[in-house]
Amino acid sequence: MFAITAILVSCDKSEKQDEEPAKVLESTDYSGALTVNASSGTFTTDSIKVSFTATEKTDSASITLFQVKFTPRMPVTLDVTVPGIVVTKTEKGAVLTCERVVPLAMGGEFPNYTVNGFEGEIVDDELTFSLNFGSTPTSYQGKAL
């Protein structure tokens, strides 16, 4: 009887451990700092909202950056979506990668700003990532809302 109880308790503990990363990978909104290293200098904007949207299987996701400018002289703000991000679950959350993908903005593709070298992670309530929009290095660090 004791052995059966021990097995049931250990199974229950295992299931809870398996569930933790799934909570981290739910679709979540973040707020944080976006830093762009443009040829004209480094440009940081605080309070940028980013939406992480996981697929049903949580093995891929998209990230949408809301109301961003990539230089202080940029006349408009854009919502930019980076699709096709590969999600690899870890003990602490997830690693996010994408070698190359065309971002979406204003209802279409922006091939001149193809995203390359996307690397990021989600740990607890924090999302961090870096990528190049075309040849422009860009990074983000935010906390869940």
N, C-alpha and C. Protein backbone atom coordinates (compact mmCIF):
# COMPACT_ATOMS: atom_id res chain seq x y z
N MET A 1 0.82 -1.20 0.00
CA MET A 1 0.00 0.00 0.00
C MET A 1 0.87 1.26 0.00
N PHE A 2 1.91 1.28 0.83
CA PHE A 2 2.80 2.44 0.88
C PHE A 2 3.49 2.66 -0.47
N ALA A 3 3.90 1.61 -1.14
CA ALA A 3 4.58 1.73 -2.43
C ALA A 3 3.64 2.35 -3.47
N ILE A 4 2.38 1.95 -3.46
CA ILE A 4 1.42 2.51 -4.41
C ILE A 4 1.22 4.00 -4.13
N THR A 5 1.11 4.38 -2.86
CA THR A 5 0.95 5.78 -2.51
C THR A 5 2.16 6.59 -2.95
N ALA A 6 3.35 6.06 -2.75
CA ALA A 6 4.58 6.75 -3.15
C ALA A 6 4.61 6.94 -4.66
N ILE A 7 4.20 5.93 -5.41
CA ILE A 7 4.18 6.04 -6.87
C ILE A 7 3.19 7.11 -7.31
N LEU A 8 1.99 7.12 -6.69
CA LEU A 8 1.00 8.12 -7.06
C LEU A 8 1.47 9.52 -6.74
N VAL A 9 2.12 9.70 -5.59
CA VAL A 9 2.63 11.01 -5.22
C VAL A 9 3.72 11.44 -6.19
N SER A 10 4.61 10.53 -6.56
CA SER A 10 5.69 10.91 -7.47
C SER A 10 5.14 11.21 -8.86
N CYS A 11 4.10 10.53 -9.31
CA CYS A 11 3.49 10.85 -10.61
C CYS A 11 2.87 12.22 -10.58
N ASP A 12 2.18 12.54 -9.48
CA ASP A 12 1.55 13.84 -9.35
C ASP A 12 2.60 14.94 -9.39
N LYS A 13 3.70 14.77 -8.71
CA LYS A 13 4.77 15.77 -8.71
C LYS A 13 5.34 15.94 -10.11
N SER A 14 5.52 14.85 -10.84
CA SER A 14 6.05 14.90 -12.20
C SER A 14 5.12 15.68 -13.12
N GLU A 15 3.82 15.44 -12.99
CA GLU A 15 2.87 16.14 -13.84
C GLU A 15 2.92 17.64 -13.59
N LYS A 16 3.06 18.06 -12.33
CA LYS A 16 3.14 19.48 -12.03
C LYS A 16 4.39 20.09 -12.64
N GLN A 17 5.50 19.37 -12.60
CA GLN A 17 6.73 19.87 -13.20
C GLN A 17 6.55 20.03 -14.71
N ASP A 18 5.88 19.09 -15.35
CA ASP A 18 5.65 19.17 -16.79
C ASP A 18 4.73 20.34 -17.14
N GLU A 19 3.82 20.70 -16.23
CA GLU A 19 2.87 21.77 -16.52
C GLU A 19 3.51 23.15 -16.43
N GLU A 20 4.52 23.33 -15.59
CA GLU A 20 5.11 24.65 -15.39
C GLU A 20 5.54 25.35 -16.68
N PRO A 21 6.38 24.71 -17.54
CA PRO A 21 6.77 25.41 -18.76
C PRO A 21 5.58 25.80 -19.63
N ALA A 22 4.53 25.01 -19.62
CA ALA A 22 3.36 25.32 -20.44
C ALA A 22 2.75 26.65 -20.02
N LYS A 23 2.74 26.95 -18.71
CA LYS A 23 2.22 28.23 -18.23
C LYS A 23 3.06 29.37 -18.79
N VAL A 24 4.36 29.20 -18.82
CA VAL A 24 5.26 30.22 -19.34
C VAL A 24 4.99 30.46 -20.82
N LEU A 25 4.55 29.42 -21.54
CA LEU A 25 4.39 29.51 -22.98
C LEU A 25 2.99 29.90 -23.42
N GLU A 26 2.16 30.32 -22.50
CA GLU A 26 0.85 30.81 -22.90
C GLU A 26 1.03 32.12 -23.65
N SER A 27 0.09 32.44 -24.50
CA SER A 27 0.14 33.73 -25.18
C SER A 27 0.07 34.83 -24.13
N THR A 28 1.03 35.74 -24.18
CA THR A 28 1.20 36.74 -23.13
C THR A 28 1.62 38.07 -23.73
N ASP A 29 1.19 39.16 -23.11
CA ASP A 29 1.64 40.50 -23.48
C ASP A 29 2.72 40.95 -22.51
N TYR A 30 3.70 41.66 -23.04
CA TYR A 30 4.83 42.16 -22.26
C TYR A 30 4.97 43.66 -22.49
N SER A 31 5.63 44.33 -21.56
CA SER A 31 5.98 45.73 -21.73
C SER A 31 7.44 45.88 -21.35
N GLY A 32 8.19 46.59 -22.23
CA GLY A 32 9.61 46.73 -21.95
C GLY A 32 10.31 47.68 -22.90
N ALA A 33 11.63 47.56 -22.91
CA ALA A 33 12.48 48.48 -23.69
C ALA A 33 12.93 47.83 -25.00
N LEU A 34 12.77 48.58 -26.08
CA LEU A 34 13.24 48.17 -27.40
C LEU A 34 14.45 49.03 -27.73
N THR A 35 15.56 48.38 -28.04
CA THR A 35 16.79 49.10 -28.39
C THR A 35 17.17 48.78 -29.82
N VAL A 36 17.36 49.84 -30.63
CA VAL A 36 17.73 49.70 -32.03
C VAL A 36 19.11 50.33 -32.20
N ASN A 37 20.03 49.58 -32.78
CA ASN A 37 21.39 50.08 -33.05
C ASN A 37 21.48 50.47 -34.51
N ALA A 38 20.89 51.60 -34.84
CA ALA A 38 20.86 52.09 -36.23
C ALA A 38 22.20 52.74 -36.57
N SER A 39 22.42 52.97 -37.84
CA SER A 39 23.66 53.60 -38.29
C SER A 39 23.81 55.01 -37.72
N SER A 40 22.69 55.64 -37.39
CA SER A 40 22.72 57.00 -36.83
C SER A 40 22.93 56.99 -35.31
N GLY A 41 22.98 55.82 -34.71
CA GLY A 41 23.18 55.72 -33.26
C GLY A 41 22.21 54.76 -32.61
N THR A 42 22.36 54.59 -31.31
CA THR A 42 21.50 53.69 -30.55
C THR A 42 20.25 54.45 -30.11
N PHE A 43 19.10 53.79 -30.28
CA PHE A 43 17.80 54.40 -30.01
C PHE A 43 17.01 53.44 -29.14
N THR A 44 16.67 53.85 -27.91
CA THR A 44 15.91 53.00 -26.98
C THR A 44 14.55 53.64 -26.71
N THR A 45 13.50 52.82 -26.80
CA THR A 45 12.15 53.27 -26.49
C THR A 45 11.62 52.38 -25.38
N ASP A 46 11.16 53.01 -24.29
CA ASP A 46 10.59 52.27 -23.16
C ASP A 46 9.09 52.07 -23.36
N SER A 47 8.53 51.18 -22.58
CA SER A 47 7.09 50.90 -22.55
C SER A 47 6.55 50.42 -23.89
N ILE A 48 7.36 49.64 -24.61
CA ILE A 48 6.89 49.04 -25.86
C ILE A 48 6.16 47.75 -25.51
N LYS A 49 4.93 47.63 -26.01
CA LYS A 49 4.14 46.42 -25.80
C LYS A 49 4.51 45.39 -26.87
N VAL A 50 4.73 44.16 -26.42
CA VAL A 50 5.01 43.04 -27.31
C VAL A 50 4.07 41.91 -26.94
N SER A 51 3.48 41.30 -27.94
CA SER A 51 2.57 40.18 -27.73
C SER A 51 3.23 38.90 -28.22
N PHE A 52 3.38 37.93 -27.33
CA PHE A 52 3.89 36.60 -27.66
C PHE A 52 2.67 35.72 -27.87
N THR A 53 2.53 35.14 -29.07
CA THR A 53 1.38 34.30 -29.40
C THR A 53 1.88 32.92 -29.79
N ALA A 54 1.66 31.95 -28.90
CA ALA A 54 2.10 30.58 -29.14
C ALA A 54 1.07 29.82 -29.96
N THR A 55 1.55 28.85 -30.74
CA THR A 55 0.63 27.96 -31.44
C THR A 55 0.02 27.00 -30.42
N GLU A 56 -0.98 26.26 -30.83
CA GLU A 56 -1.66 25.34 -29.93
C GLU A 56 -0.70 24.31 -29.32
N LYS A 57 0.25 23.83 -30.11
CA LYS A 57 1.21 22.84 -29.61
C LYS A 57 2.38 23.48 -28.87
N THR A 58 2.44 24.80 -28.83
CA THR A 58 3.49 25.60 -28.21
C THR A 58 4.89 25.26 -28.71
N ASP A 59 5.00 24.79 -29.97
CA ASP A 59 6.33 24.51 -30.53
C ASP A 59 6.77 25.63 -31.47
N SER A 60 5.88 26.58 -31.72
CA SER A 60 6.24 27.76 -32.50
C SER A 60 5.36 28.92 -32.05
N ALA A 61 5.77 30.12 -32.46
CA ALA A 61 5.05 31.31 -32.01
C ALA A 61 5.31 32.46 -32.96
N SER A 62 4.58 33.53 -32.73
CA SER A 62 4.87 34.80 -33.39
C SER A 62 4.98 35.86 -32.31
N ILE A 63 5.71 36.91 -32.63
CA ILE A 63 5.86 38.03 -31.71
C ILE A 63 5.46 39.29 -32.47
N THR A 64 4.57 40.08 -31.86
CA THR A 64 4.17 41.34 -32.47
C THR A 64 4.65 42.48 -31.58
N LEU A 65 5.36 43.41 -32.19
CA LEU A 65 5.83 44.62 -31.52
C LEU A 65 4.86 45.73 -31.91
N PHE A 66 4.29 46.42 -30.91
CA PHE A 66 3.27 47.42 -31.18
C PHE A 66 3.83 48.84 -31.11
N GLN A 67 3.43 49.65 -32.10
CA GLN A 67 3.72 51.09 -32.12
C GLN A 67 5.21 51.38 -31.95
N VAL A 68 6.03 50.77 -32.85
CA VAL A 68 7.48 50.95 -32.76
C VAL A 68 8.00 51.89 -33.85
N LYS A 69 9.10 52.56 -33.52
CA LYS A 69 9.88 53.36 -34.45
C LYS A 69 11.29 52.79 -34.41
N PHE A 70 11.93 52.75 -35.57
CA PHE A 70 13.28 52.21 -35.62
C PHE A 70 14.36 53.29 -35.66
N THR A 71 13.94 54.53 -35.78
CA THR A 71 14.83 55.69 -35.64
C THR A 71 13.99 56.83 -35.10
N PRO A 72 14.60 57.80 -34.43
CA PRO A 72 13.83 58.94 -33.94
C PRO A 72 13.19 59.74 -35.07
N ARG A 73 13.78 59.69 -36.27
CA ARG A 73 13.25 60.45 -37.42
C ARG A 73 12.12 59.74 -38.15
N MET A 74 11.84 58.51 -37.80
CA MET A 74 10.79 57.76 -38.47
C MET A 74 9.45 58.47 -38.25
N PRO A 75 8.74 58.83 -39.33
CA PRO A 75 7.54 59.66 -39.20
C PRO A 75 6.32 58.93 -38.62
N VAL A 76 6.28 57.62 -38.68
CA VAL A 76 5.12 56.87 -38.18
C VAL A 76 5.59 55.74 -37.28
N THR A 77 4.66 55.24 -36.47
CA THR A 77 4.93 54.03 -35.70
C THR A 77 4.27 52.86 -36.42
N LEU A 78 4.83 51.68 -36.24
CA LEU A 78 4.32 50.48 -36.90
C LEU A 78 4.07 49.36 -35.90
N ASP A 79 3.13 48.49 -36.23
CA ASP A 79 2.99 47.21 -35.55
C ASP A 79 3.70 46.20 -36.45
N VAL A 80 4.69 45.50 -35.92
CA VAL A 80 5.49 44.57 -36.71
C VAL A 80 5.38 43.18 -36.10
N THR A 81 5.07 42.19 -36.94
CA THR A 81 4.95 40.80 -36.49
C THR A 81 6.11 39.98 -37.05
N VAL A 82 6.73 39.22 -36.16
CA VAL A 82 7.78 38.26 -36.55
C VAL A 82 7.16 36.87 -36.40
N PRO A 83 6.81 36.23 -37.52
CA PRO A 83 6.19 34.89 -37.45
C PRO A 83 7.26 33.80 -37.45
N GLY A 84 6.82 32.56 -37.25
CA GLY A 84 7.70 31.41 -37.46
C GLY A 84 8.83 31.24 -36.47
N ILE A 85 8.63 31.66 -35.23
CA ILE A 85 9.66 31.51 -34.21
C ILE A 85 9.56 30.10 -33.63
N VAL A 86 10.69 29.40 -33.60
CA VAL A 86 10.73 28.05 -33.04
C VAL A 86 10.84 28.17 -31.52
N VAL A 87 9.99 27.43 -30.80
CA VAL A 87 9.96 27.45 -29.34
C VAL A 87 10.46 26.11 -28.82
N THR A 88 11.52 26.16 -28.01
CA THR A 88 12.06 24.95 -27.38
C THR A 88 11.90 25.10 -25.88
N LYS A 89 11.09 24.22 -25.28
CA LYS A 89 10.83 24.29 -23.85
C LYS A 89 12.10 23.92 -23.07
N THR A 90 12.29 24.61 -21.95
CA THR A 90 13.39 24.32 -21.04
C THR A 90 12.81 24.19 -19.63
N GLU A 91 13.65 23.83 -18.67
CA GLU A 91 13.19 23.73 -17.29
C GLU A 91 12.70 25.07 -16.76
N LYS A 92 13.32 26.16 -17.21
CA LYS A 92 12.98 27.49 -16.70
C LYS A 92 11.96 28.23 -17.55
N GLY A 93 11.64 27.73 -18.74
CA GLY A 93 10.71 28.42 -19.63
C GLY A 93 10.87 27.97 -21.06
N ALA A 94 11.50 28.81 -21.91
CA ALA A 94 11.64 28.46 -23.31
C ALA A 94 12.76 29.26 -23.96
N VAL A 95 13.37 28.63 -24.95
CA VAL A 95 14.33 29.29 -25.82
C VAL A 95 13.62 29.55 -27.14
N LEU A 96 13.80 30.74 -27.69
CA LEU A 96 13.14 31.15 -28.93
C LEU A 96 14.20 31.39 -30.00
N THR A 97 14.01 30.79 -31.18
CA THR A 97 14.97 30.98 -32.27
C THR A 97 14.25 31.08 -33.61
N CYS A 98 14.88 31.79 -34.51
CA CYS A 98 14.41 31.87 -35.89
C CYS A 98 15.58 32.35 -36.73
N GLU A 99 16.00 31.53 -37.65
CA GLU A 99 17.17 31.87 -38.47
C GLU A 99 16.87 33.00 -39.45
N ARG A 100 15.71 32.91 -40.13
CA ARG A 100 15.40 33.91 -41.16
C ARG A 100 13.91 33.86 -41.46
N VAL A 101 13.27 35.05 -41.45
CA VAL A 101 11.85 35.13 -41.77
C VAL A 101 11.52 36.57 -42.19
N VAL A 102 10.56 36.71 -43.08
CA VAL A 102 10.11 38.03 -43.53
C VAL A 102 9.07 38.54 -42.53
N PRO A 103 9.30 39.73 -41.94
CA PRO A 103 8.33 40.28 -40.99
C PRO A 103 7.11 40.84 -41.71
N LEU A 104 6.04 41.00 -40.94
CA LEU A 104 4.78 41.52 -41.46
C LEU A 104 4.47 42.85 -40.81
N ALA A 105 4.00 43.81 -41.60
CA ALA A 105 3.57 45.11 -41.09
C ALA A 105 2.65 45.76 -42.11
N MET A 106 1.73 46.55 -41.62
CA MET A 106 0.81 47.30 -42.49
C MET A 106 0.12 46.40 -43.52
N GLY A 107 -0.23 45.20 -43.11
CA GLY A 107 -0.98 44.29 -43.95
C GLY A 107 -0.19 43.53 -44.99
N GLY A 108 1.14 43.56 -44.92
CA GLY A 108 1.93 42.84 -45.91
C GLY A 108 3.32 42.47 -45.41
N GLU A 109 4.09 41.89 -46.31
CA GLU A 109 5.45 41.47 -45.99
C GLU A 109 6.43 42.62 -46.23
N PHE A 110 7.51 42.63 -45.47
CA PHE A 110 8.57 43.62 -45.61
C PHE A 110 9.90 42.91 -45.84
N PRO A 111 10.13 42.40 -47.07
CA PRO A 111 11.34 41.63 -47.35
C PRO A 111 12.64 42.43 -47.22
N ASN A 112 12.58 43.76 -47.36
CA ASN A 112 13.80 44.57 -47.18
C ASN A 112 14.28 44.57 -45.74
N TYR A 113 13.42 44.16 -44.82
CA TYR A 113 13.77 44.11 -43.40
C TYR A 113 13.69 42.69 -42.86
N THR A 114 14.07 41.73 -43.70
CA THR A 114 14.01 40.32 -43.31
C THR A 114 14.73 40.12 -41.97
N VAL A 115 14.04 39.45 -41.06
CA VAL A 115 14.59 39.16 -39.74
C VAL A 115 15.58 38.00 -39.88
N ASN A 116 16.75 38.19 -39.29
CA ASN A 116 17.71 37.09 -39.24
C ASN A 116 18.37 37.08 -37.88
N GLY A 117 18.80 35.88 -37.47
CA GLY A 117 19.49 35.71 -36.21
C GLY A 117 18.64 35.96 -34.98
N PHE A 118 17.34 35.68 -35.05
CA PHE A 118 16.48 35.88 -33.88
C PHE A 118 16.85 34.88 -32.80
N GLU A 119 17.17 35.38 -31.61
CA GLU A 119 17.45 34.55 -30.43
C GLU A 119 16.79 35.19 -29.23
N GLY A 120 16.12 34.38 -28.42
CA GLY A 120 15.49 34.94 -27.24
C GLY A 120 15.13 33.87 -26.24
N GLU A 121 14.52 34.30 -25.15
CA GLU A 121 14.06 33.35 -24.15
C GLU A 121 12.96 33.96 -23.31
N ILE A 122 12.17 33.06 -22.75
CA ILE A 122 11.16 33.43 -21.77
C ILE A 122 11.54 32.70 -20.50
N VAL A 123 11.74 33.46 -19.43
CA VAL A 123 12.03 32.88 -18.12
C VAL A 123 11.13 33.60 -17.12
N ASP A 124 10.33 32.81 -16.42
CA ASP A 124 9.35 33.35 -15.49
C ASP A 124 8.46 34.37 -16.21
N ASP A 125 8.48 35.63 -15.79
CA ASP A 125 7.61 36.63 -16.42
C ASP A 125 8.38 37.59 -17.31
N GLU A 126 9.56 37.16 -17.78
CA GLU A 126 10.40 38.04 -18.58
C GLU A 126 10.65 37.47 -19.98
N LEU A 127 10.53 38.33 -20.98
CA LEU A 127 10.82 38.00 -22.37
C LEU A 127 12.00 38.84 -22.82
N THR A 128 13.03 38.21 -23.35
CA THR A 128 14.15 38.93 -23.93
C THR A 128 14.44 38.33 -25.31
N PHE A 129 14.82 39.19 -26.25
CA PHE A 129 15.24 38.69 -27.55
C PHE A 129 16.10 39.72 -28.26
N SER A 130 16.87 39.21 -29.22
CA SER A 130 17.65 40.07 -30.11
C SER A 130 17.50 39.52 -31.51
N LEU A 131 17.63 40.41 -32.51
CA LEU A 131 17.48 40.03 -33.91
C LEU A 131 18.04 41.15 -34.76
N ASN A 132 18.12 40.90 -36.03
CA ASN A 132 18.45 41.94 -36.99
C ASN A 132 17.23 42.13 -37.89
N PHE A 133 16.77 43.38 -38.01
CA PHE A 133 15.79 43.73 -39.03
C PHE A 133 16.62 44.19 -40.21
N GLY A 134 16.79 43.34 -41.22
CA GLY A 134 17.73 43.63 -42.29
C GLY A 134 19.12 43.63 -41.69
N SER A 135 19.81 44.75 -41.74
CA SER A 135 21.15 44.82 -41.14
C SER A 135 21.14 45.62 -39.83
N THR A 136 19.96 45.88 -39.28
CA THR A 136 19.86 46.70 -38.08
C THR A 136 19.67 45.84 -36.83
N PRO A 137 20.70 45.78 -35.95
CA PRO A 137 20.57 45.02 -34.69
C PRO A 137 19.52 45.65 -33.78
N THR A 138 18.65 44.80 -33.26
CA THR A 138 17.55 45.25 -32.42
C THR A 138 17.40 44.28 -31.25
N SER A 139 17.08 44.79 -30.06
CA SER A 139 16.88 43.90 -28.90
C SER A 139 15.70 44.40 -28.08
N TYR A 140 15.17 43.49 -27.27
CA TYR A 140 14.00 43.79 -26.44
C TYR A 140 14.13 43.08 -25.11
N GLN A 141 13.70 43.74 -24.05
CA GLN A 141 13.62 43.13 -22.73
C GLN A 141 12.37 43.65 -22.05
N GLY A 142 11.44 42.72 -21.71
CA GLY A 142 10.18 43.15 -21.12
C GLY A 142 9.65 42.17 -20.09
N LYS A 143 8.70 42.65 -19.32
CA LYS A 143 8.05 41.84 -18.29
C LYS A 143 6.58 41.67 -18.65
N ALA A 144 6.02 40.53 -18.24
CA ALA A 144 4.62 40.22 -18.52
C ALA A 144 3.70 41.25 -17.86
N LEU A 145 2.64 41.58 -18.58
CA LEU A 145 1.64 42.52 -18.05
C LEU A 145 0.64 41.79 -17.19
